[in-house]
Amino acid sequence: FPQSNELAYKLIDLIDCALPLYRNEGKTNLVIAIGCTGGKHRSVAFTEKIYNHVTSKGFKASVYHRDIKKDR
């Protein structure tokens, strides 16, 4: 959906702004949590998009999909 793409780009823009600030302050961890009502579609897609973007910038990242296996 166009709205989802717009939100993803805005989130990535925010993260791109925050990461160097955290690094410059000597921080070693930044936790980013993405959620939605189901936990199987948008939040998973956004998380993967953000993960791919952050790692492509040379940052170390990990992903944990907490609710992906829950029955709804």
C-alpha atoms as a PDB file:
ATOM      1  CA  PHE A   1       0.000   0.000   0.000  1.00  0.00           C
ATOM      2  CA  PRO A   2       1.263   3.537  -0.708  1.00  0.00           C
ATOM      3  CA  GLN A   3       0.679   4.551   2.920  1.00  0.00           C
ATOM      4  CA  SER A   4       2.793   1.654   4.168  1.00  0.00           C
ATOM      5  CA  ASN A   5       5.635   2.560   1.815  1.00  0.00           C
ATOM      6  CA  GLU A   6       5.503   6.188   2.933  1.00  0.00           C
ATOM      7  CA  LEU A   7       5.637   5.161   6.594  1.00  0.00           C
ATOM      8  CA  ALA A   8       8.549   2.791   5.939  1.00  0.00           C
ATOM      9  CA  TYR A   9      10.550   5.544   4.236  1.00  0.00           C
ATOM     10  CA  LYS A  10       9.855   7.931   7.110  1.00  0.00           C
ATOM     11  CA  LEU A  11      10.933   5.336   9.675  1.00  0.00           C
ATOM     12  CA  ILE A  12      14.131   4.672   7.757  1.00  0.00           C
ATOM     13  CA  ASP A  13      14.788   8.415   7.549  1.00  0.00           C
ATOM     14  CA  LEU A  14      14.388   8.675  11.338  1.00  0.00           C
ATOM     15  CA  ILE A  15      16.713   5.718  11.887  1.00  0.00           C
ATOM     16  CA  ASP A  16      19.290   7.197   9.491  1.00  0.00           C
ATOM     17  CA  CYS A  17      19.207  10.363  11.578  1.00  0.00           C
ATOM     18  CA  ALA A  18      19.414   8.545  14.928  1.00  0.00           C
ATOM     19  CA  LEU A  19      22.162   5.994  14.251  1.00  0.00           C
ATOM     20  CA  PRO A  20      25.060   8.445  13.840  1.00  0.00           C
ATOM     21  CA  LEU A  21      23.882  10.403  16.887  1.00  0.00           C
ATOM     22  CA  TYR A  22      23.879   7.241  18.997  1.00  0.00           C
ATOM     23  CA  ARG A  23      27.301   6.249  17.670  1.00  0.00           C
ATOM     24  CA  ASN A  24      28.733   9.735  18.363  1.00  0.00           C
ATOM     25  CA  GLU A  25      27.490   9.535  21.966  1.00  0.00           C
ATOM     26  CA  GLY A  26      29.272   6.207  22.417  1.00  0.00           C
ATOM     27  CA  LYS A  27      26.064   4.186  22.552  1.00  0.00           C
ATOM     28  CA  THR A  28      26.382   0.587  21.436  1.00  0.00           C
ATOM     29  CA  ASN A  29      22.709  -0.440  21.290  1.00  0.00           C
ATOM     30  CA  LEU A  30      19.572   0.976  19.752  1.00  0.00           C
ATOM     31  CA  VAL A  31      16.385  -1.040  20.158  1.00  0.00           C
ATOM     32  CA  ILE A  32      13.737  -0.553  17.484  1.00  0.00           C
ATOM     33  CA  ALA A  33      10.394  -2.250  18.054  1.00  0.00           C
ATOM     34  CA  ILE A  34       7.739  -2.471  15.345  1.00  0.00           C
ATOM     35  CA  GLY A  35       4.268  -3.776  16.110  1.00  0.00           C
ATOM     36  CA  CYS A  36       0.838  -4.110  14.609  1.00  0.00           C
ATOM     37  CA  THR A  37      -2.339  -5.871  15.642  1.00  0.00           C
ATOM     38  CA  GLY A  38      -1.563  -9.188  13.947  1.00  0.00           C
ATOM     39  CA  GLY A  39       2.213  -9.414  14.128  1.00  0.00           C
ATOM     40  CA  LYS A  40       2.513 -11.422  10.921  1.00  0.00           C
ATOM     41  CA  HIS A  41       2.366  -9.024   7.984  1.00  0.00           C
ATOM     42  CA  ARG A  42       3.157  -5.308   8.157  1.00  0.00           C
ATOM     43  CA  SER A  43       5.327  -5.478  11.244  1.00  0.00           C
ATOM     44  CA  VAL A  44       7.327  -8.355   9.759  1.00  0.00           C
ATOM     45  CA  ALA A  45       7.741  -6.573   6.417  1.00  0.00           C
ATOM     46  CA  PHE A  46       8.755  -3.298   8.103  1.00  0.00           C
ATOM     47  CA  THR A  47      11.208  -5.092  10.373  1.00  0.00           C
ATOM     48  CA  GLU A  48      12.861  -6.889   7.472  1.00  0.00           C
ATOM     49  CA  LYS A  49      13.042  -3.671   5.431  1.00  0.00           C
ATOM     50  CA  ILE A  50      14.640  -1.796   8.334  1.00  0.00           C
ATOM     51  CA  TYR A  51      17.025  -4.683   9.068  1.00  0.00           C
ATOM     52  CA  ASN A  52      18.175  -4.824   5.442  1.00  0.00           C
ATOM     53  CA  HIS A  53      18.652  -1.062   5.339  1.00  0.00           C
ATOM     54  CA  VAL A  54      20.594  -0.863   8.622  1.00  0.00           C
ATOM     55  CA  THR A  55      22.890  -3.765   7.754  1.00  0.00           C
ATOM     56  CA  SER A  56      23.511  -2.322   4.268  1.00  0.00           C
ATOM     57  CA  LYS A  57      24.854   0.784   6.055  1.00  0.00           C
ATOM     58  CA  GLY A  58      27.395  -1.394   7.882  1.00  0.00           C
ATOM     59  CA  PHE A  59      25.656  -1.570  11.251  1.00  0.00           C
ATOM     60  CA  LYS A  60      25.322  -4.851  13.092  1.00  0.00           C
ATOM     61  CA  ALA A  61      21.670  -5.785  13.648  1.00  0.00           C
ATOM     62  CA  SER A  62      19.495  -8.673  14.725  1.00  0.00           C
ATOM     63  CA  VAL A  63      15.804  -9.431  14.298  1.00  0.00           C
ATOM     64  CA  TYR A  64      13.375 -11.147  16.617  1.00  0.00           C
ATOM     65  CA  HIS A  65       9.798 -11.705  15.420  1.00  0.00           C
ATOM     66  CA  ARG A  66       8.081 -12.212  18.755  1.00  0.00           C
ATOM     67  CA  ASP A  67       4.529 -12.945  17.554  1.00  0.00           C
ATOM     68  CA  ILE A  68       5.035 -14.465  14.107  1.00  0.00           C
ATOM     69  CA  LYS A  69       4.141 -17.988  15.258  1.00  0.00           C
ATOM     70  CA  LYS A  70       1.137 -17.053  17.406  1.00  0.00           C
ATOM     71  CA  ASP A  71      -2.296 -18.202  16.303  1.00  0.00           C
ATOM     72  CA  ARG A  72      -4.827 -15.422  16.047  1.00  0.00           C
END
